[in-house]
């Protein structure tokens, strides 16, 4: 399996590349990241948010029978 190049703002909490359109992630928006390793996803998202000077809120959730991390951009 070829994953490709992991870019600076990509996530890979379970070893699978997840691309989020961070440009569209405005204040008040949220995104659900389906993953098993939710703690790793949270750490990766916090690094990205810090680099972009964003305040975020995260919550581990099950949505549509899928475990993952919901992220809200506060500012």
PDB file of N, CA and C in Angstrom:
ATOM      1  N   UNK A   1       0.844  -1.175   0.000  1.00  0.00           N
ATOM      2  CA  UNK A   1       0.000   0.000   0.000  1.00  0.00           C
ATOM      3  C   UNK A   1       0.885   1.231   0.000  1.00  0.00           C
ATOM      4  N   UNK A   2       0.622   2.161  -0.900  1.00  0.00           N
ATOM      5  CA  UNK A   2       1.397   3.383  -1.004  1.00  0.00           C
ATOM      6  C   UNK A   2       0.586   4.543  -0.468  1.00  0.00           C
ATOM      7  N   UNK A   3       1.107   5.205   0.547  1.00  0.00           N
ATOM      8  CA  UNK A   3       0.397   6.296   1.187  1.00  0.00           C
ATOM      9  C   UNK A   3       0.711   7.634   0.535  1.00  0.00           C
ATOM     10  N   UNK A   4       1.878   7.815  -0.008  1.00  0.00           N
ATOM     11  CA  UNK A   4       2.267   9.097  -0.579  1.00  0.00           C
ATOM     12  C   UNK A   4       2.962   9.957   0.451  1.00  0.00           C
ATOM     13  N   UNK A   5       3.266  11.157   0.052  1.00  0.00           N
ATOM     14  CA  UNK A   5       4.000  12.087   0.910  1.00  0.00           C
ATOM     15  C   UNK A   5       3.034  12.721   1.898  1.00  0.00           C
ATOM     16  N   UNK A   6       3.404  12.697   3.157  1.00  0.00           N
ATOM     17  CA  UNK A   6       2.607  13.327   4.199  1.00  0.00           C
ATOM     18  C   UNK A   6       3.005  14.791   4.278  1.00  0.00           C
ATOM     19  N   UNK A   7       2.058  15.684   4.029  1.00  0.00           N
ATOM     20  CA  UNK A   7       2.346  17.113   4.063  1.00  0.00           C
ATOM     21  C   UNK A   7       2.198  17.633   5.480  1.00  0.00           C
ATOM     22  N   UNK A   8       2.683  18.831   5.733  1.00  0.00           N
ATOM     23  CA  UNK A   8       2.769  19.383   7.087  1.00  0.00           C
ATOM     24  C   UNK A   8       1.411  19.471   7.788  1.00  0.00           C
ATOM     25  N   UNK A   9       0.328  19.712   7.039  1.00  0.00           N
ATOM     26  CA  UNK A   9      -0.992  19.845   7.663  1.00  0.00           C
ATOM     27  C   UNK A   9      -1.868  18.607   7.498  1.00  0.00           C
ATOM     28  N   UNK A  10      -1.300  17.503   7.035  1.00  0.00           N
ATOM     29  CA  UNK A  10      -2.044  16.249   6.937  1.00  0.00           C
ATOM     30  C   UNK A  10      -2.010  15.519   8.279  1.00  0.00           C
ATOM     31  N   UNK A  11      -3.004  14.700   8.507  1.00  0.00           N
ATOM     32  CA  UNK A  11      -3.082  13.885   9.723  1.00  0.00           C
ATOM     33  C   UNK A  11      -2.843  12.432   9.352  1.00  0.00           C
ATOM     34  N   UNK A  12      -2.333  11.669  10.301  1.00  0.00           N
ATOM     35  CA  UNK A  12      -2.166  10.218  10.100  1.00  0.00           C
ATOM     36  C   UNK A  12      -2.173   9.486  11.438  1.00  0.00           C
ATOM     37  N   UNK A  13      -3.230   9.656  12.242  1.00  0.00           N
ATOM     38  CA  UNK A  13      -3.235   9.039  13.568  1.00  0.00           C
ATOM     39  C   UNK A  13      -3.209   7.520  13.547  1.00  0.00           C
ATOM     40  N   UNK A  14      -3.731   6.903  12.518  1.00  0.00           N
ATOM     41  CA  UNK A  14      -3.748   5.439  12.415  1.00  0.00           C
ATOM     42  C   UNK A  14      -2.813   4.932  11.328  1.00  0.00           C
ATOM     43  N   UNK A  15      -1.954   5.808  10.815  1.00  0.00           N
ATOM     44  CA  UNK A  15      -1.045   5.417   9.751  1.00  0.00           C
ATOM     45  C   UNK A  15      -1.620   5.584   8.359  1.00  0.00           C
ATOM     46  N   UNK A  16      -2.823   6.129   8.271  1.00  0.00           N
ATOM     47  CA  UNK A  16      -3.473   6.387   6.985  1.00  0.00           C
ATOM     48  C   UNK A  16      -3.600   7.902   6.836  1.00  0.00           C
ATOM     49  N   UNK A  17      -3.163   8.420   5.716  1.00  0.00           N
ATOM     50  CA  UNK A  17      -3.164   9.863   5.481  1.00  0.00           C
ATOM     51  C   UNK A  17      -4.580  10.413   5.405  1.00  0.00           C
ATOM     52  N   UNK A  18      -4.841  11.462   6.184  1.00  0.00           N
ATOM     53  CA  UNK A  18      -6.124  12.161   6.179  1.00  0.00           C
ATOM     54  C   UNK A  18      -5.852  13.611   5.806  1.00  0.00           C
ATOM     55  N   UNK A  19      -6.495  14.065   4.746  1.00  0.00           N
ATOM     56  CA  UNK A  19      -6.316  15.435   4.278  1.00  0.00           C
ATOM     57  C   UNK A  19      -7.538  16.247   4.694  1.00  0.00           C
ATOM     58  N   UNK A  20      -7.302  17.332   5.416  1.00  0.00           N
ATOM     59  CA  UNK A  20      -8.375  18.240   5.825  1.00  0.00           C
ATOM     60  C   UNK A  20      -8.177  19.545   5.057  1.00  0.00           C
ATOM     61  N   UNK A  21      -9.244  20.101   4.528  1.00  0.00           N
ATOM     62  CA  UNK A  21      -9.172  21.382   3.828  1.00  0.00           C
ATOM     63  C   UNK A  21      -9.168  22.497   4.873  1.00  0.00           C
ATOM     64  N   UNK A  22      -8.007  22.764   5.427  1.00  0.00           N
ATOM     65  CA  UNK A  22      -7.875  23.739   6.511  1.00  0.00           C
ATOM     66  C   UNK A  22      -8.229  25.148   6.043  1.00  0.00           C
ATOM     67  N   UNK A  23      -8.104  25.438   4.750  1.00  0.00           N
ATOM     68  CA  UNK A  23      -8.444  26.766   4.229  1.00  0.00           C
ATOM     69  C   UNK A  23      -9.930  27.056   4.445  1.00  0.00           C
ATOM     70  N   UNK A  24     -10.770  26.040   4.337  1.00  0.00           N
ATOM     71  CA  UNK A  24     -12.213  26.198   4.524  1.00  0.00           C
ATOM     72  C   UNK A  24     -12.634  26.102   5.995  1.00  0.00           C
ATOM     73  N   UNK A  25     -11.686  25.854   6.885  1.00  0.00           N
ATOM     74  CA  UNK A  25     -11.981  25.637   8.303  1.00  0.00           C
ATOM     75  C   UNK A  25     -12.042  26.982   9.031  1.00  0.00           C
ATOM     76  N   UNK A  26     -13.145  27.694   8.822  1.00  0.00           N
ATOM     77  CA  UNK A  26     -13.337  29.021   9.396  1.00  0.00           C
ATOM     78  C   UNK A  26     -13.766  28.935  10.853  1.00  0.00           C
ATOM     79  N   UNK A  27     -13.709  30.058  11.538  1.00  0.00           N
ATOM     80  CA  UNK A  27     -14.171  30.132  12.920  1.00  0.00           C
ATOM     81  C   UNK A  27     -15.640  29.710  12.987  1.00  0.00           C
ATOM     82  N   UNK A  28     -15.948  28.796  13.901  1.00  0.00           N
ATOM     83  CA  UNK A  28     -17.300  28.262  14.053  1.00  0.00           C
ATOM     84  C   UNK A  28     -17.526  26.963  13.302  1.00  0.00           C
ATOM     85  N   UNK A  29     -16.601  26.589  12.433  1.00  0.00           N
ATOM     86  CA  UNK A  29     -16.735  25.353  11.664  1.00  0.00           C
ATOM     87  C   UNK A  29     -16.268  24.157  12.487  1.00  0.00           C
ATOM     88  N   UNK A  30     -16.688  22.963  12.053  1.00  0.00           N
ATOM     89  CA  UNK A  30     -16.213  21.740  12.706  1.00  0.00           C
ATOM     90  C   UNK A  30     -15.951  20.681  11.648  1.00  0.00           C
ATOM     91  N   UNK A  31     -15.139  19.711  12.021  1.00  0.00           N
ATOM     92  CA  UNK A  31     -14.822  18.601  11.131  1.00  0.00           C
ATOM     93  C   UNK A  31     -14.690  17.343  11.983  1.00  0.00           C
ATOM     94  N   UNK A  32     -15.139  16.220  11.422  1.00  0.00           N
ATOM     95  CA  UNK A  32     -15.028  14.926  12.103  1.00  0.00           C
ATOM     96  C   UNK A  32     -13.912  14.134  11.446  1.00  0.00           C
ATOM     97  N   UNK A  33     -12.970  13.665  12.247  1.00  0.00           N
ATOM     98  CA  UNK A  33     -11.862  12.850  11.776  1.00  0.00           C
ATOM     99  C   UNK A  33     -12.103  11.414  12.252  1.00  0.00           C
ATOM    100  N   UNK A  34     -12.501  10.510  11.368  1.00  0.00           N
ATOM    101  CA  UNK A  34     -12.694   9.116  11.790  1.00  0.00           C
ATOM    102  C   UNK A  34     -11.338   8.459  12.036  1.00  0.00           C
ATOM    103  N   UNK A  35     -11.162   7.882  13.223  1.00  0.00           N
ATOM    104  CA  UNK A  35      -9.889   7.236  13.555  1.00  0.00           C
ATOM    105  C   UNK A  35     -10.058   6.380  14.808  1.00  0.00           C
ATOM    106  N   UNK A  36      -9.124   5.462  14.991  1.00  0.00           N
ATOM    107  CA  UNK A  36      -9.081   4.631  16.195  1.00  0.00           C
ATOM    108  C   UNK A  36      -8.210   5.302  17.256  1.00  0.00           C
ATOM    109  N   UNK A  37      -7.059   5.804  16.834  1.00  0.00           N
ATOM    110  CA  UNK A  37      -6.116   6.435  17.754  1.00  0.00           C
ATOM    111  C   UNK A  37      -6.493   7.907  17.929  1.00  0.00           C
ATOM    112  N   UNK A  38      -7.533   8.140  18.708  1.00  0.00           N
ATOM    113  CA  UNK A  38      -8.061   9.491  18.871  1.00  0.00           C
ATOM    114  C   UNK A  38      -7.099  10.408  19.616  1.00  0.00           C
ATOM    115  N   UNK A  39      -6.334   9.871  20.531  1.00  0.00           N
ATOM    116  CA  UNK A  39      -5.368  10.698  21.272  1.00  0.00           C
ATOM    117  C   UNK A  39      -4.272  11.211  20.344  1.00  0.00           C
ATOM    118  N   UNK A  40      -3.807  10.373  19.429  1.00  0.00           N
ATOM    119  CA  UNK A  40      -2.797  10.801  18.463  1.00  0.00           C
ATOM    120  C   UNK A  40      -3.382  11.851  17.516  1.00  0.00           C
ATOM    121  N   UNK A  41      -4.621  11.655  17.098  1.00  0.00           N
ATOM    122  CA  UNK A  41      -5.286  12.636  16.235  1.00  0.00           C
ATOM    123  C   UNK A  41      -5.390  13.978  16.949  1.00  0.00           C
ATOM    124  N   UNK A  42      -5.750  13.947  18.224  1.00  0.00           N
ATOM    125  CA  UNK A  42      -5.865  15.173  19.011  1.00  0.00           C
ATOM    126  C   UNK A  42      -4.520  15.891  19.096  1.00  0.00           C
ATOM    127  N   UNK A  43      -3.459  15.154  19.343  1.00  0.00           N
ATOM    128  CA  UNK A  43      -2.121  15.763  19.409  1.00  0.00           C
ATOM    129  C   UNK A  43      -1.743  16.400  18.080  1.00  0.00           C
ATOM    130  N   UNK A  44      -2.003  15.694  16.972  1.00  0.00           N
ATOM    131  CA  UNK A  44      -1.653  16.223  15.659  1.00  0.00           C
ATOM    132  C   UNK A  44      -2.453  17.487  15.338  1.00  0.00           C
ATOM    133  N   UNK A  45      -3.735  17.490  15.668  1.00  0.00           N
ATOM    134  CA  UNK A  45      -4.581  18.658  15.406  1.00  0.00           C
ATOM    135  C   UNK A  45      -4.150  19.839  16.273  1.00  0.00           C
ATOM    136  N   UNK A  46      -3.768  19.586  17.509  1.00  0.00           N
ATOM    137  CA  UNK A  46      -3.319  20.661  18.396  1.00  0.00           C
ATOM    138  C   UNK A  46      -2.045  21.317  17.872  1.00  0.00           C
ATOM    139  N   UNK A  47      -1.144  20.535  17.291  1.00  0.00           N
ATOM    140  CA  UNK A  47       0.081  21.087  16.699  1.00  0.00           C
ATOM    141  C   UNK A  47      -0.267  21.998  15.518  1.00  0.00           C
ATOM    142  N   UNK A  48      -1.179  21.540  14.671  1.00  0.00           N
ATOM    143  CA  UNK A  48      -1.590  22.339  13.514  1.00  0.00           C
ATOM    144  C   UNK A  48      -2.269  23.632  13.973  1.00  0.00           C
ATOM    145  N   UNK A  49      -3.177  23.530  14.949  1.00  0.00           N
ATOM    146  CA  UNK A  49      -3.899  24.705  15.448  1.00  0.00           C
ATOM    147  C   UNK A  49      -2.935  25.714  16.073  1.00  0.00           C
ATOM    148  N   UNK A  50      -1.953  25.230  16.796  1.00  0.00           N
ATOM    149  CA  UNK A  50      -0.975  26.130  17.412  1.00  0.00           C
ATOM    150  C   UNK A  50      -0.178  26.861  16.339  1.00  0.00           C
ATOM    151  N   UNK A  51       0.229  26.155  15.302  1.00  0.00           N
ATOM    152  CA  UNK A  51       0.982  26.766  14.214  1.00  0.00           C
ATOM    153  C   UNK A  51       0.153  27.841  13.495  1.00  0.00           C
ATOM    154  N   UNK A  52      -1.163  27.654  13.432  1.00  0.00           N
ATOM    155  CA  UNK A  52      -2.043  28.592  12.742  1.00  0.00           C
ATOM    156  C   UNK A  52      -2.635  29.638  13.689  1.00  0.00           C
ATOM    157  N   UNK A  53      -2.258  29.586  14.972  1.00  0.00           N
ATOM    158  CA  UNK A  53      -2.769  30.507  15.998  1.00  0.00           C
ATOM    159  C   UNK A  53      -4.285  30.437  16.130  1.00  0.00           C
ATOM    160  N   UNK A  54      -4.824  29.208  16.112  1.00  0.00           N
ATOM    161  CA  UNK A  54      -6.247  28.987  16.268  1.00  0.00           C
ATOM    162  C   UNK A  54      -6.533  28.458  17.667  1.00  0.00           C
ATOM    163  N   UNK A  55      -7.716  28.773  18.162  1.00  0.00           N
ATOM    164  CA  UNK A  55      -8.237  28.147  19.366  1.00  0.00           C
ATOM    165  C   UNK A  55      -9.236  27.096  18.892  1.00  0.00           C
ATOM    166  N   UNK A  56      -9.059  25.864  19.363  1.00  0.00           N
ATOM    167  CA  UNK A  56      -9.953  24.781  18.954  1.00  0.00           C
ATOM    168  C   UNK A  56     -10.515  24.076  20.177  1.00  0.00           C
ATOM    169  N   UNK A  57     -11.587  23.348  19.947  1.00  0.00           N
ATOM    170  CA  UNK A  57     -12.168  22.468  20.958  1.00  0.00           C
ATOM    171  C   UNK A  57     -12.250  21.093  20.318  1.00  0.00           C
ATOM    172  N   UNK A  58     -11.901  20.054  21.052  1.00  0.00           N
ATOM    173  CA  UNK A  58     -11.965  18.697  20.514  1.00  0.00           C
ATOM    174  C   UNK A  58     -12.819  17.818  21.417  1.00  0.00           C
ATOM    175  N   UNK A  59     -13.406  16.812  20.812  1.00  0.00           N
ATOM    176  CA  UNK A  59     -14.201  15.855  21.581  1.00  0.00           C
ATOM    177  C   UNK A  59     -14.154  14.502  20.879  1.00  0.00           C
ATOM    178  N   UNK A  60     -13.841  13.475  21.639  1.00  0.00           N
ATOM    179  CA  UNK A  60     -13.859  12.110  21.108  1.00  0.00           C
ATOM    180  C   UNK A  60     -15.318  11.685  21.049  1.00  0.00           C
ATOM    181  N   UNK A  61     -15.733  11.210  19.859  1.00  0.00           N
ATOM    182  CA  UNK A  61     -17.145  10.901  19.648  1.00  0.00           C
ATOM    183  C   UNK A  61     -17.313   9.662  18.790  1.00  0.00           C
ATOM    184  N   UNK A  62     -18.515   9.120  18.831  1.00  0.00           N
ATOM    185  CA  UNK A  62     -18.941   8.088  17.898  1.00  0.00           C
ATOM    186  C   UNK A  62     -20.058   8.714  17.073  1.00  0.00           C
ATOM    187  N   UNK A  63     -19.818   8.826  15.767  1.00  0.00           N
ATOM    188  CA  UNK A  63     -20.807   9.407  14.865  1.00  0.00           C
ATOM    189  C   UNK A  63     -21.086   8.398  13.754  1.00  0.00           C
ATOM    190  N   UNK A  64     -22.346   8.100  13.554  1.00  0.00           N
ATOM    191  CA  UNK A  64     -22.771   7.117  12.547  1.00  0.00           C
ATOM    192  C   UNK A  64     -21.984   5.817  12.717  1.00  0.00           C
ATOM    193  N   UNK A  65     -21.914   5.331  13.946  1.00  0.00           N
ATOM    194  CA  UNK A  65     -21.217   4.091  14.295  1.00  0.00           C
ATOM    195  C   UNK A  65     -19.725   4.124  13.975  1.00  0.00           C
ATOM    196  N   UNK A  66     -19.127   5.301  13.950  1.00  0.00           N
ATOM    197  CA  UNK A  66     -17.713   5.440  13.620  1.00  0.00           C
ATOM    198  C   UNK A  66     -17.018   6.258  14.712  1.00  0.00           C
ATOM    199  N   UNK A  67     -15.986   5.682  15.332  1.00  0.00           N
ATOM    200  CA  UNK A  67     -15.198   6.372  16.355  1.00  0.00           C
ATOM    201  C   UNK A  67     -14.300   7.406  15.695  1.00  0.00           C
ATOM    202  N   UNK A  68     -14.144   8.548  16.349  1.00  0.00           N
ATOM    203  CA  UNK A  68     -13.257   9.561  15.796  1.00  0.00           C
ATOM    204  C   UNK A  68     -13.175  10.780  16.692  1.00  0.00           C
ATOM    205  N   UNK A  69     -12.651  11.842  16.120  1.00  0.00           N
ATOM    206  CA  UNK A  69     -12.426  13.091  16.835  1.00  0.00           C
ATOM    207  C   UNK A  69     -13.166  14.214  16.113  1.00  0.00           C
ATOM    208  N   UNK A  70     -14.037  14.919  16.831  1.00  0.00           N
ATOM    209  CA  UNK A  70     -14.722  16.097  16.285  1.00  0.00           C
ATOM    210  C   UNK A  70     -13.912  17.312  16.737  1.00  0.00           C
ATOM    211  N   UNK A  71     -13.624  18.210  15.786  1.00  0.00           N
ATOM    212  CA  UNK A  71     -12.840  19.404  16.059  1.00  0.00           C
ATOM    213  C   UNK A  71     -13.683  20.626  15.702  1.00  0.00           C
ATOM    214  N   UNK A  72     -13.749  21.593  16.612  1.00  0.00           N
ATOM    215  CA  UNK A  72     -14.410  22.852  16.350  1.00  0.00           C
ATOM    216  C   UNK A  72     -13.366  23.955  16.394  1.00  0.00           C
ATOM    217  N   UNK A  73     -13.419  24.869  15.445  1.00  0.00           N
ATOM    218  CA  UNK A  73     -12.547  26.050  15.491  1.00  0.00           C
ATOM    219  C   UNK A  73     -13.295  27.150  16.200  1.00  0.00           C
ATOM    220  N   UNK A  74     -12.737  27.591  17.336  1.00  0.00           N
ATOM    221  CA  UNK A  74     -13.370  28.635  18.141  1.00  0.00           C
ATOM    222  C   UNK A  74     -12.968  30.007  17.605  1.00  0.00           C
ATOM    223  N   UNK A  75     -11.673  30.202  17.361  1.00  0.00           N
ATOM    224  CA  UNK A  75     -11.200  31.474  16.766  1.00  0.00           C
ATOM    225  C   UNK A  75     -10.143  31.188  15.742  1.00  0.00           C
TER     226      UNK A  75
END
